[in-house]
Amino acid sequence: MRRRAVLKAAVSAALLAGVGTGAAVRGAGPASASPLWNAMFEKWVPEIFAPLPDPPEHTEAIVIGSGFGAAVTALRLAQAGIQNSVLERGSRWPNDPWREIFTGDDLPDGRGFWHRTSFTGVTKVPMPFADFGGVLDVTEYPGIDVWRAAAVGGGSIVFTGAMVAPPKHLFDSVFGGIVSFDELDRVYYPRVREMLRLSPMPADVYNSQPFTHSRMWDQQVRAAGYEPLPNDSIFNWDVVRAELAGNSRASATASRSNLGNSNGAKFDLNQNYLRYAEATGRTGIFPGHRVDAIGQDGTGKYVVTVTKLAPTGQVLNTRTLTCNRLFLGAGSVGTSELLVRAQATGTLSRLNGAVGDGWGTNGDVVLARSASELAGTGGGVPSASRIFDDSGMPLTLENWYVPGIPVETGAIASLGMVLDSTRARFGYDRASNSVGLSWSKATQDRVLAACKAVDGKIGGRGGSSVDYSPIGYDANAFFTAHPLGGAVLGQATDSYGRVHGHPGLYVMDGAGIPGSTATVNPSLTITAIAERNIEAIIRAGK
């Protein structure tokens, strides 16, 4: 594996030196695309270069996006007998136990990122690569970078798999009665756990070498007076065991997750909701279809402008599709962009003033401290446990792996999620036809300080000898992997996601969440609320 990594590094350097990231083939995509890299990607993952199917000109329902909320929506519509088309800008990536389908954080190539040529992650080491339609879109706004998915399966491809319910009292403080925690806890959280086969890390996996860091993390937090809580996870433990036994290419045990798990170690949405939806014969999934604009015509039908893209970025065609009902599941940023642009340009003229409002980062912070003893910490990805602290700002610290470093560092990483009330608003720039926002540095400094206070206490009492913040590990503090809000339930929509002013238009994803899921990872709550909302919409027939 080390020899292969060295060889890949040499090939990468040669290609970048020989053609740069600016070489391009006529008609092959953006000017920053590389014909040599595109040829390599096609050799490695030919499936995503196969001819893309075209969606029908009119469908009863269109679902934009294919992440948690969108996948739930597609399946439940199909089961109710409603034909639907799922439009996804990214590719539909396969899985294989031995092939390198996805790239890694340590030496990423274009498969990792959505049409960009460099990335600076939590390690603050800039990494160059050729332009390609990879799985992670890093959207840069003043004050914050937003990580979001660009692949069939949405966030389930690029997240770290933890799916946790929030504390009831904090959930209620965030949602203000718009959504009942008790109803989610009784009906919809259990439904999602069953659909996604969620479970905590088994003892044999926890006690294996790649998860040494998880055991050290738990040891340190116990020494500081906390009792670690087990995290439910979407990882398929049998695939993780296959890695440990040498029966699959190492992925979830080798610091691979943010840019996908080649062997299908995550039980992502392609293996459940989306697969089941397609099996009904009433859902069509259409990768490589970027939605640029939405509107409503004089007959009441919804109009969707779509650009068909090759994975290289080449524009294949542009079409206008129609539907009777339109379900937005493009994620907080994608859904908010479509609504804000539609309101500003008049294509959805009856949207209310709450559209674009209520956006937050879920209080995301990344931290690292050193191990308590000189030993390898391992590169196991699934998060075993978390702690909750409300001595200051309420927050959760979650056991995390160290992404982007292929060697042992002795670092014990945490993902922090802080309950913070700061919210931003999306705005529209007419000159560029773009939608954006700004995020306050003071807010990010505040949530970072809250997490560092708790992490410092753990380090001091747990025998950690090094705070990694002086070398900068913690301050990709100015990022979020959990963007939420922009079309908030009970404000831009009713309490079930029906958009005010436009019957037949719905928000089904993280855009409906008011900026926070109350100190935990959002995926479980987004999925459960989507289950709740689509059930009510189908039952009511509108």
Protein backbone atom coordinates (compact mmCIF):
# COMPACT_ATOMS: atom_id res chain seq x y z
CA MET A 1 0.00 0.00 0.00
CA ARG A 2 2.86 2.41 0.79
CA ARG A 3 4.54 1.57 -2.54
CA ARG A 4 1.28 2.21 -4.38
CA ALA A 5 0.85 5.57 -2.61
CA VAL A 6 4.40 6.59 -3.51
CA LEU A 7 3.83 5.56 -7.13
CA LYS A 8 0.60 7.51 -7.26
CA ALA A 9 2.32 10.56 -5.82
CA ALA A 10 5.02 10.33 -8.48
CA VAL A 11 2.47 9.98 -11.28
CA SER A 12 0.47 12.90 -9.86
CA ALA A 13 3.52 15.11 -9.71
CA ALA A 14 4.55 14.18 -13.25
CA LEU A 15 1.12 14.87 -14.65
CA LEU A 16 0.77 18.19 -12.89
CA ALA A 17 4.28 19.18 -13.93
CA GLY A 18 3.76 18.05 -17.53
CA VAL A 19 0.31 19.42 -18.29
CA GLY A 20 -0.51 21.54 -15.26
CA THR A 21 -4.05 21.96 -14.05
CA GLY A 22 -4.71 24.35 -16.90
CA ALA A 23 -4.47 21.92 -19.83
CA ALA A 24 -7.76 21.09 -21.51
CA VAL A 25 -9.27 19.18 -24.39
CA ARG A 26 -11.49 21.12 -26.75
CA GLY A 27 -15.08 20.52 -25.65
CA ALA A 28 -14.01 18.27 -22.79
CA GLY A 29 -14.95 20.55 -19.94
CA PRO A 30 -13.56 23.51 -17.99
CA ALA A 31 -10.29 25.14 -19.00
CA SER A 32 -8.71 23.69 -15.85
CA ALA A 33 -9.52 20.09 -16.84
CA SER A 34 -6.67 17.75 -17.76
CA PRO A 35 -7.05 15.25 -20.65
CA LEU A 36 -4.50 12.90 -19.09
CA TRP A 37 -6.23 12.89 -15.73
CA ASN A 38 -9.64 12.46 -17.38
CA ALA A 39 -8.29 9.42 -19.22
CA MET A 40 -7.00 7.98 -15.94
CA PHE A 41 -10.31 8.60 -14.20
CA GLU A 42 -12.14 6.86 -17.04
CA LYS A 43 -9.80 3.88 -16.74
CA TRP A 44 -10.23 3.71 -12.96
CA VAL A 45 -14.00 4.34 -12.83
CA PRO A 46 -15.48 3.68 -16.29
CA GLU A 47 -18.99 3.42 -14.85
CA ILE A 48 -19.35 7.19 -14.37
CA PHE A 49 -18.36 7.81 -18.03
CA ALA A 50 -21.20 5.65 -19.40
CA PRO A 51 -23.91 7.51 -21.39
CA LEU A 52 -26.26 9.32 -19.03
CA PRO A 53 -30.00 8.69 -19.22
CA ASP A 54 -32.32 11.63 -19.91
CA PRO A 55 -35.26 12.38 -17.61
CA PRO A 56 -38.74 12.62 -19.15
CA GLU A 57 -39.91 16.05 -20.24
CA HIS A 58 -42.77 15.88 -17.74
CA THR A 59 -43.07 13.87 -14.53
CA GLU A 60 -45.76 13.95 -11.89
CA ALA A 61 -43.07 14.84 -9.32
CA ILE A 62 -39.46 15.99 -9.60
CA VAL A 63 -37.06 15.58 -6.68
CA ILE A 64 -33.98 17.83 -6.84
CA GLY A 65 -31.01 16.23 -5.12
CA SER A 66 -30.41 12.69 -3.88
CA GLY A 67 -29.25 13.08 -0.27
CA PHE A 68 -31.07 12.06 2.89
CA GLY A 69 -34.23 14.15 2.53
CA ALA A 70 -34.46 13.65 -1.23
CA ALA A 71 -33.97 9.88 -1.04
CA VAL A 72 -36.70 9.52 1.57
CA THR A 73 -39.01 11.61 -0.59
CA ALA A 74 -38.37 9.58 -3.75
CA LEU A 75 -39.02 6.25 -2.04
CA ARG A 76 -42.20 7.29 -0.25
CA LEU A 77 -43.63 8.97 -3.38
CA ALA A 78 -42.91 5.83 -5.39
CA GLN A 79 -44.53 3.62 -2.77
CA ALA A 80 -47.60 5.87 -2.92
CA GLY A 81 -47.81 5.29 -6.69
CA ILE A 82 -46.40 8.70 -7.70
CA GLN A 83 -43.95 8.64 -10.62
CA ASN A 84 -40.91 10.78 -9.83
CA SER A 85 -37.60 11.85 -11.36
CA VAL A 86 -34.57 12.42 -9.12
CA LEU A 87 -32.15 15.00 -10.55
CA GLU A 88 -28.56 14.92 -9.24
CA ARG A 89 -25.67 17.03 -10.56
CA GLY A 90 -23.00 14.54 -9.44
CA SER A 91 -22.08 11.11 -10.72
CA ARG A 92 -23.37 7.74 -9.61
CA TRP A 93 -20.27 6.11 -8.22
CA PRO A 94 -19.95 2.32 -7.92
CA ASN A 95 -18.39 0.33 -5.10
CA ASP A 96 -15.79 -2.42 -5.33
CA PRO A 97 -13.91 -4.27 -2.57
CA TRP A 98 -10.53 -3.87 -4.30
CA ARG A 99 -10.59 -0.99 -6.80
CA GLU A 100 -9.78 2.58 -5.78
CA ILE A 101 -13.09 4.11 -6.82
CA PHE A 102 -12.64 7.21 -4.67
CA THR A 103 -9.52 9.16 -3.83
CA GLY A 104 -8.22 9.90 -0.31
CA ASP A 105 -7.65 13.01 1.81
CA ASP A 106 -3.91 12.37 2.00
CA LEU A 107 -3.16 12.74 -1.73
CA PRO A 108 -6.44 13.71 -3.39
CA ASP A 109 -7.09 13.93 -7.09
CA GLY A 110 -10.04 15.33 -9.04
CA ARG A 111 -12.34 12.49 -8.03
CA GLY A 112 -12.44 14.06 -4.59
CA PHE A 113 -13.71 17.53 -5.43
CA TRP A 114 -16.42 19.17 -7.48
CA HIS A 115 -14.72 21.23 -10.21
CA ARG A 116 -11.91 22.91 -8.34
CA THR A 117 -8.12 22.65 -8.61
CA SER A 118 -6.91 22.84 -5.01
CA PHE A 119 -8.10 22.24 -1.48
CA THR A 120 -6.78 23.20 1.95
CA GLY A 121 -8.30 20.94 4.57
CA VAL A 122 -8.11 20.74 8.34
CA THR A 123 -4.35 20.18 8.17
CA LYS A 124 -3.92 23.52 6.33
CA VAL A 125 -1.75 21.89 3.67
CA PRO A 126 -2.80 23.06 0.16
CA MET A 127 -3.30 20.15 -2.23
CA PRO A 128 -3.41 20.79 -6.04
CA PHE A 129 -5.19 18.55 -8.55
CA ALA A 130 -6.91 18.65 -11.94
CA ASP A 131 -10.48 19.85 -12.38
CA PHE A 132 -13.12 17.09 -12.35
CA GLY A 133 -16.64 16.36 -11.14
CA GLY A 134 -15.64 14.81 -7.82
CA VAL A 135 -17.78 14.05 -4.80
CA LEU A 136 -17.17 17.00 -2.44
CA ASP A 137 -18.14 20.57 -3.28
CA VAL A 138 -16.30 23.13 -1.14
CA THR A 139 -18.31 26.35 -1.47
CA GLU A 140 -16.42 29.40 -0.24
CA TYR A 141 -18.23 32.35 1.33
CA PRO A 142 -16.73 35.28 3.22
CA GLY A 143 -15.94 33.90 6.68
CA ILE A 144 -16.84 30.24 6.06
CA ASP A 145 -16.15 27.29 3.76
CA VAL A 146 -19.07 24.90 3.31
CA TRP A 147 -18.48 21.23 2.56
CA ARG A 148 -21.37 19.60 0.67
CA ALA A 149 -21.86 16.56 -1.49
CA ALA A 150 -22.00 16.26 -5.29
CA ALA A 151 -22.88 12.62 -5.94
CA VAL A 152 -25.85 10.31 -6.13
CA GLY A 153 -26.45 9.56 -2.47
CA GLY A 154 -25.59 13.10 -1.38
CA GLY A 155 -24.09 13.48 2.06
CA SER A 156 -24.25 9.74 2.75
CA ILE A 157 -21.23 9.36 0.45
CA VAL A 158 -18.97 11.91 2.17
CA PHE A 159 -20.00 12.01 5.83
CA THR A 160 -18.38 10.14 8.73
CA GLY A 161 -21.42 8.01 9.43
CA ALA A 162 -22.49 9.13 12.92
CA MET A 163 -26.29 9.41 13.21
CA VAL A 164 -27.31 10.61 16.65
CA ALA A 165 -30.51 12.03 18.15
CA PRO A 166 -30.13 15.34 20.02
CA PRO A 167 -31.03 16.01 23.66
CA LYS A 168 -34.76 16.68 23.82
CA HIS A 169 -34.53 19.96 25.73
CA LEU A 170 -32.05 21.42 23.25
CA PHE A 171 -34.05 20.20 20.25
CA ASP A 172 -37.14 21.88 21.66
CA SER A 173 -35.23 25.12 22.21
CA VAL A 174 -34.11 25.14 18.57
CA PHE A 175 -37.37 24.08 16.89
CA GLY A 176 -39.72 25.98 19.20
CA GLY A 177 -42.57 23.47 18.89
CA ILE A 178 -42.66 23.44 15.07
CA VAL A 179 -41.55 19.80 15.14
CA SER A 180 -42.33 17.49 18.06
CA PHE A 181 -39.27 15.72 19.43
CA ASP A 182 -41.51 13.15 21.10
CA GLU A 183 -43.09 12.26 17.74
CA LEU A 184 -39.68 11.90 16.09
CA ASP A 185 -38.42 9.82 19.00
CA ARG A 186 -41.48 7.57 18.99
CA VAL A 187 -41.98 7.07 15.23
CA TYR A 188 -39.45 8.53 12.86
CA TYR A 189 -36.03 8.13 14.51
CA PRO A 190 -36.73 4.39 14.95
CA ARG A 191 -37.91 4.13 11.33
CA VAL A 192 -34.70 5.67 10.04
CA ARG A 193 -32.52 3.54 12.32
CA GLU A 194 -34.17 0.43 10.91
CA MET A 195 -33.94 1.58 7.27
CA LEU A 196 -30.25 2.48 7.57
CA ARG A 197 -29.31 -0.41 9.91
CA LEU A 198 -27.75 1.95 12.42
CA SER A 199 -25.79 0.47 15.30
CA PRO A 200 -22.91 1.34 17.65
CA MET A 201 -19.40 0.09 17.00
CA PRO A 202 -19.05 -3.62 17.96
CA ALA A 203 -16.46 -4.58 20.56
CA ASP A 204 -14.22 -6.50 18.16
CA VAL A 205 -13.94 -3.49 15.83
CA TYR A 206 -13.48 -1.08 18.75
CA ASN A 207 -10.61 -3.20 20.10
CA SER A 208 -8.78 -3.46 16.77
CA GLN A 209 -5.59 -1.52 15.97
CA PRO A 210 -7.12 1.12 13.63
CA PHE A 211 -9.37 2.25 16.47
CA THR A 212 -6.63 2.75 19.04
CA HIS A 213 -7.43 6.46 18.85
CA SER A 214 -11.06 5.72 19.81
CA ARG A 215 -10.00 3.85 22.92
CA MET A 216 -7.49 6.57 23.86
CA TRP A 217 -10.17 9.22 23.31
CA ASP A 218 -12.54 7.40 25.66
CA GLN A 219 -9.76 6.90 28.23
CA GLN A 220 -8.95 10.61 28.23
CA VAL A 221 -12.55 11.80 28.56
CA ARG A 222 -13.17 9.36 31.41
CA ALA A 223 -10.10 10.72 33.20
CA ALA A 224 -11.65 14.18 32.82
CA GLY A 225 -14.88 13.04 34.46
CA TYR A 226 -17.06 12.35 31.41
CA GLU A 227 -18.73 9.10 30.44
CA PRO A 228 -18.52 8.59 26.66
CA LEU A 229 -21.81 7.85 24.94
CA PRO A 230 -21.85 5.34 22.05
CA ASN A 231 -22.64 6.71 18.60
CA ASP A 232 -24.96 4.92 16.23
CA SER A 233 -23.28 4.61 12.85
CA ILE A 234 -24.23 3.88 9.25
CA PHE A 235 -21.07 1.83 8.67
CA ASN A 236 -21.46 -1.80 7.65
CA TRP A 237 -19.40 -3.56 10.30
CA ASP A 238 -19.01 -6.68 8.18
CA VAL A 239 -17.22 -4.64 5.51
CA VAL A 240 -15.02 -3.09 8.21
CA ARG A 241 -14.25 -6.60 9.47
CA ALA A 242 -13.37 -7.64 5.92
CA GLU A 243 -10.83 -4.81 5.82
CA LEU A 244 -9.34 -5.93 9.13
CA ALA A 245 -9.07 -9.50 7.83
CA GLY A 246 -7.41 -8.43 4.59
CA ASN A 247 -10.43 -9.41 2.49
CA SER A 248 -11.06 -5.90 1.17
CA ARG A 249 -9.02 -2.86 0.28
CA ALA A 250 -8.49 -0.76 3.42
CA SER A 251 -10.81 2.25 3.47
CA ALA A 252 -12.80 2.79 6.67
CA THR A 253 -9.76 1.52 8.60
CA ALA A 254 -7.34 3.74 6.68
CA SER A 255 -8.63 7.31 7.16
CA ARG A 256 -10.94 7.19 4.12
CA SER A 257 -14.39 8.74 4.40
CA ASN A 258 -14.64 12.45 3.53
CA LEU A 259 -14.18 11.66 -0.17
CA GLY A 260 -16.03 8.33 -0.20
CA ASN A 261 -15.44 4.69 0.72
CA SER A 262 -14.56 2.66 -2.37
CA ASN A 263 -15.63 -0.67 -0.89
CA GLY A 264 -19.09 0.47 0.23
CA ALA A 265 -18.17 0.40 3.91
CA LYS A 266 -20.82 3.04 4.55
CA PHE A 267 -24.36 1.73 4.03
CA ASP A 268 -25.06 4.82 1.95
CA LEU A 269 -28.35 5.81 0.34
CA ASN A 270 -27.53 3.97 -2.89
CA GLN A 271 -27.79 0.75 -0.89
CA ASN A 272 -31.17 1.48 0.72
CA TYR A 273 -33.64 4.33 0.08
CA LEU A 274 -32.57 5.05 -3.52
CA ARG A 275 -32.22 1.39 -4.40
CA TYR A 276 -35.65 0.59 -2.97
CA ALA A 277 -37.19 3.58 -4.79
CA GLU A 278 -35.81 2.43 -8.15
CA ALA A 279 -37.02 -1.12 -7.50
CA THR A 280 -40.63 0.11 -7.47
CA GLY A 281 -40.32 1.10 -11.12
CA ARG A 282 -41.71 4.56 -10.30
CA THR A 283 -38.46 6.41 -9.55
CA GLY A 284 -35.91 7.36 -12.16
CA ILE A 285 -32.51 8.59 -10.96
CA PHE A 286 -30.65 10.91 -13.31
CA PRO A 287 -27.02 11.71 -12.44
CA GLY A 288 -25.16 14.50 -14.21
CA HIS A 289 -28.19 16.81 -14.17
CA ARG A 290 -27.54 20.18 -12.53
CA VAL A 291 -30.64 22.24 -11.79
CA ASP A 292 -29.97 25.90 -12.61
CA ALA A 293 -33.37 27.50 -12.05
CA ILE A 294 -36.93 26.74 -10.97
CA GLY A 295 -40.19 28.53 -11.64
CA GLN A 296 -43.90 28.10 -12.25
CA ASP A 297 -45.72 28.59 -15.54
CA GLY A 298 -49.17 30.01 -16.22
CA THR A 299 -50.82 26.59 -15.93
CA GLY A 300 -49.43 26.00 -12.43
CA LYS A 301 -46.85 23.46 -13.52
CA TYR A 302 -43.36 23.78 -12.08
CA VAL A 303 -40.59 24.47 -14.58
CA VAL A 304 -37.07 23.19 -13.97
CA THR A 305 -34.09 24.32 -16.08
CA VAL A 306 -31.47 21.57 -16.19
CA THR A 307 -27.92 21.35 -17.56
CA LYS A 308 -26.67 17.87 -18.38
CA LEU A 309 -22.99 17.49 -17.49
CA ALA A 310 -20.33 14.90 -18.22
CA PRO A 311 -18.10 14.13 -15.21
CA THR A 312 -15.37 16.16 -16.94
CA GLY A 313 -17.62 19.23 -16.75
CA GLN A 314 -18.50 19.23 -20.44
CA VAL A 315 -22.00 20.61 -21.04
CA LEU A 316 -23.95 17.98 -22.97
CA ASN A 317 -27.26 19.84 -23.25
CA THR A 318 -29.69 22.16 -21.50
CA ARG A 319 -33.38 21.32 -21.14
CA THR A 320 -36.55 22.54 -19.51
CA LEU A 321 -38.55 19.95 -17.59
CA THR A 322 -41.97 20.26 -15.98
CA CYS A 323 -43.78 18.59 -13.09
CA ASN A 324 -46.95 18.97 -11.08
CA ARG A 325 -45.13 18.84 -7.75
CA LEU A 326 -41.56 19.88 -7.03
CA PHE A 327 -39.58 18.59 -4.03
CA LEU A 328 -36.37 20.41 -3.11
CA GLY A 329 -33.68 18.18 -1.61
CA ALA A 330 -30.48 19.76 -2.91
CA GLY A 331 -29.15 20.46 0.58
CA SER A 332 -29.18 23.66 2.58
CA VAL A 333 -27.07 25.60 0.09
CA GLY A 334 -28.50 24.13 -3.12
CA THR A 335 -32.15 24.47 -2.10
CA SER A 336 -31.64 27.97 -0.71
CA GLU A 337 -29.85 29.10 -3.88
CA LEU A 338 -32.73 27.92 -6.06
CA LEU A 339 -35.39 29.61 -3.93
CA VAL A 340 -33.52 32.88 -3.41
CA ARG A 341 -32.74 33.16 -7.12
CA ALA A 342 -36.33 32.33 -8.06
CA GLN A 343 -37.65 34.99 -5.71
CA ALA A 344 -35.21 37.64 -6.93
CA THR A 345 -35.81 36.95 -10.62
CA GLY A 346 -39.59 36.65 -10.27
CA THR A 347 -39.95 33.03 -11.41
CA LEU A 348 -41.55 32.20 -8.03
CA SER A 349 -43.10 35.53 -7.18
CA ARG A 350 -45.15 34.57 -4.13
CA LEU A 351 -42.32 33.35 -1.88
CA ASN A 352 -42.30 35.12 1.48
CA GLY A 353 -39.60 37.18 3.17
CA ALA A 354 -38.26 34.26 5.21
CA VAL A 355 -36.72 32.63 2.13
CA GLY A 356 -32.94 32.69 2.49
CA ASP A 357 -33.03 33.26 6.24
CA GLY A 358 -32.05 31.20 9.29
CA TRP A 359 -28.80 29.67 8.00
CA GLY A 360 -26.22 28.26 10.40
CA THR A 361 -23.21 25.94 10.60
CA ASN A 362 -24.42 23.57 13.35
CA GLY A 363 -21.52 25.01 15.38
CA ASP A 364 -18.89 22.82 13.67
CA VAL A 365 -15.30 22.88 14.94
CA VAL A 366 -12.38 20.46 14.43
CA LEU A 367 -9.84 19.98 17.25
CA ALA A 368 -6.88 17.73 18.04
CA ARG A 369 -4.86 16.88 21.14
CA SER A 370 -2.07 14.35 21.57
CA ALA A 371 -2.31 10.77 22.71
CA SER A 372 -1.58 9.93 26.36
CA GLU A 373 1.18 7.51 25.46
CA LEU A 374 3.62 6.88 22.65
CA ALA A 375 1.73 4.48 20.44
CA GLY A 376 0.13 4.41 17.01
CA THR A 377 -3.38 5.83 17.12
CA GLY A 378 -4.70 4.21 13.94
CA GLY A 379 -6.83 5.48 11.08
CA GLY A 380 -10.26 4.02 11.81
CA VAL A 381 -12.96 6.34 10.52
CA PRO A 382 -16.27 5.44 12.24
CA SER A 383 -16.86 7.52 15.35
CA ALA A 384 -17.22 5.35 18.42
CA SER A 385 -18.39 7.84 21.00
CA ARG A 386 -19.15 11.38 22.09
CA ILE A 387 -19.49 13.51 25.22
CA PHE A 388 -21.90 16.32 26.04
CA ASP A 389 -20.94 19.38 28.08
CA ASP A 390 -23.17 22.27 29.13
CA SER A 391 -20.86 23.99 31.59
CA GLY A 392 -20.71 26.88 29.09
CA MET A 393 -22.24 26.92 25.64
CA PRO A 394 -23.91 23.51 25.21
CA LEU A 395 -21.73 21.34 22.97
CA THR A 396 -20.83 17.85 21.93
CA LEU A 397 -17.33 16.59 21.25
CA GLU A 398 -17.23 13.50 19.07
CA ASN A 399 -14.39 11.06 18.60
CA TRP A 400 -13.01 11.67 15.11
CA TYR A 401 -10.23 10.35 12.92
CA VAL A 402 -7.37 12.47 11.52
CA PRO A 403 -8.05 13.16 7.82
CA GLY A 404 -5.39 14.15 5.31
CA ILE A 405 -2.29 12.77 7.08
CA PRO A 406 -1.05 9.34 5.85
CA VAL A 407 1.39 8.82 8.75
CA GLU A 408 1.00 8.40 12.49
CA THR A 409 0.88 11.78 14.25
CA GLY A 410 -0.07 10.76 17.77
CA ALA A 411 -3.09 13.07 17.41
CA ILE A 412 -6.48 12.42 18.96
CA ALA A 413 -9.08 14.33 16.97
CA SER A 414 -12.54 15.58 17.87
CA LEU A 415 -15.42 17.10 15.97
CA GLY A 416 -17.17 19.75 18.04
CA MET A 417 -20.78 20.84 17.54
CA VAL A 418 -21.82 23.87 19.57
CA LEU A 419 -25.33 25.23 20.14
CA ASP A 420 -24.98 28.80 18.90
CA SER A 421 -27.82 31.13 17.96
CA THR A 422 -26.05 33.13 15.23
CA ARG A 423 -27.78 32.92 11.85
CA ALA A 424 -26.98 34.31 8.41
CA ARG A 425 -29.12 35.17 5.40
CA PHE A 426 -28.59 34.30 1.74
CA GLY A 427 -28.64 37.22 -0.65
CA TYR A 428 -28.81 37.55 -4.45
CA ASP A 429 -26.30 39.38 -6.64
CA ARG A 430 -28.02 40.36 -9.89
CA ALA A 431 -24.81 41.16 -11.76
CA SER A 432 -23.49 37.61 -11.40
CA ASN A 433 -26.85 35.85 -10.93
CA SER A 434 -25.27 34.29 -7.84
CA VAL A 435 -26.50 33.61 -4.32
CA GLY A 436 -24.23 33.91 -1.29
CA LEU A 437 -23.85 34.84 2.36
CA SER A 438 -21.28 36.11 4.85
CA TRP A 439 -20.35 34.49 8.16
CA SER A 440 -19.10 36.29 11.24
CA LYS A 441 -15.54 35.59 12.39
CA ALA A 442 -16.60 36.51 15.91
CA THR A 443 -19.14 33.69 15.85
CA GLN A 444 -16.59 31.14 14.71
CA ASP A 445 -14.09 32.37 17.30
CA ARG A 446 -16.75 31.96 19.99
CA VAL A 447 -17.65 28.36 19.12
CA LEU A 448 -13.97 27.46 18.74
CA ALA A 449 -13.17 28.90 22.18
CA ALA A 450 -16.05 26.93 23.75
CA CYS A 451 -14.78 23.67 22.27
CA LYS A 452 -11.15 24.38 23.13
CA ALA A 453 -12.07 25.02 26.77
CA VAL A 454 -13.59 21.56 27.07
CA ASP A 455 -10.91 19.89 24.96
CA GLY A 456 -8.21 21.57 27.05
CA LYS A 457 -9.74 20.25 30.25
CA ILE A 458 -9.80 16.75 28.79
CA GLY A 459 -6.21 17.05 27.63
CA GLY A 460 -5.02 18.31 31.00
CA ARG A 461 -6.75 15.64 33.05
CA GLY A 462 -6.35 12.86 30.50
CA GLY A 463 -2.59 13.03 30.12
CA SER A 464 -2.43 14.66 26.70
CA SER A 465 0.93 16.37 26.39
CA VAL A 466 0.42 18.43 23.23
CA ASP A 467 -2.24 20.89 22.08
CA TYR A 468 -2.12 20.77 18.30
CA SER A 469 -3.60 24.23 17.84
CA PRO A 470 -0.21 26.03 17.86
CA ILE A 471 0.65 24.21 14.62
CA GLY A 472 -2.74 25.10 13.23
CA TYR A 473 -4.53 21.77 13.18
CA ASP A 474 -7.72 23.06 14.73
CA ALA A 475 -8.41 26.08 12.69
CA ASN A 476 -9.98 24.97 9.75
CA ALA A 477 -12.37 26.24 12.36
CA PHE A 478 -13.80 28.33 9.53
CA PHE A 479 -15.62 25.49 7.83
CA THR A 480 -18.82 23.54 8.24
CA ALA A 481 -19.74 20.10 6.98
CA HIS A 482 -23.25 20.60 8.37
CA PRO A 483 -24.87 23.59 6.62
CA LEU A 484 -28.47 24.04 7.78
CA GLY A 485 -31.28 26.49 7.09
CA GLY A 486 -32.21 28.99 4.40
CA ALA A 487 -35.83 27.82 4.00
CA VAL A 488 -36.77 27.09 7.58
CA LEU A 489 -39.81 25.05 8.62
CA GLY A 490 -42.55 27.24 10.09
CA GLN A 491 -41.08 30.33 8.40
CA ALA A 492 -40.46 29.95 4.65
CA THR A 493 -42.67 26.85 4.76
CA ASP A 494 -45.39 25.42 6.95
CA SER A 495 -44.37 22.92 9.63
CA TYR A 496 -44.27 20.10 7.05
CA GLY A 497 -42.14 21.76 4.38
CA ARG A 498 -44.90 23.12 2.13
CA VAL A 499 -43.49 26.36 0.73
CA HIS A 500 -45.72 29.35 1.49
CA GLY A 501 -47.27 30.94 -1.60
CA HIS A 502 -46.66 28.05 -3.99
CA PRO A 503 -48.81 24.93 -3.49
CA GLY A 504 -47.04 21.83 -4.74
CA LEU A 505 -43.56 23.11 -3.84
CA TYR A 506 -41.79 21.51 -0.87
CA VAL A 507 -38.53 21.75 1.11
CA MET A 508 -37.41 18.26 2.19
CA ASP A 509 -33.80 18.67 3.33
CA GLY A 510 -31.43 20.51 5.67
CA ALA A 511 -32.61 23.89 4.34
CA GLY A 512 -35.68 23.42 6.54
CA ILE A 513 -33.61 23.02 9.74
CA PRO A 514 -33.17 26.28 11.72
CA GLY A 515 -29.36 26.39 11.61
CA SER A 516 -28.67 23.67 14.19
CA THR A 517 -29.68 20.16 15.18
CA ALA A 518 -28.92 20.91 18.81
CA THR A 519 -25.28 19.72 19.26
CA VAL A 520 -25.38 16.55 17.15
CA ASN A 521 -24.76 15.47 13.55
CA PRO A 522 -27.78 16.50 11.45
CA SER A 523 -28.26 13.45 9.21
CA LEU A 524 -30.56 11.43 11.50
CA THR A 525 -32.80 14.41 12.21
CA ILE A 526 -32.95 15.52 8.56
CA THR A 527 -33.93 12.00 7.51
CA ALA A 528 -36.50 11.59 10.29
CA ILE A 529 -38.13 14.95 9.57
CA ALA A 530 -38.25 14.09 5.86
CA GLU A 531 -40.04 10.83 6.76
CA ARG A 532 -42.48 12.78 8.94
CA ASN A 533 -43.13 15.46 6.33
CA ILE A 534 -43.56 13.28 3.26
CA GLU A 535 -45.95 11.04 5.19
CA ALA A 536 -48.12 14.05 6.02
CA ILE A 537 -47.92 15.42 2.45
CA ILE A 538 -48.94 12.10 0.89
CA ARG A 539 -51.70 11.56 3.42
CA ALA A 540 -53.16 15.00 2.73
CA GLY A 541 -52.67 14.69 -1.02
CA LYS A 542 -50.93 18.07 -1.13
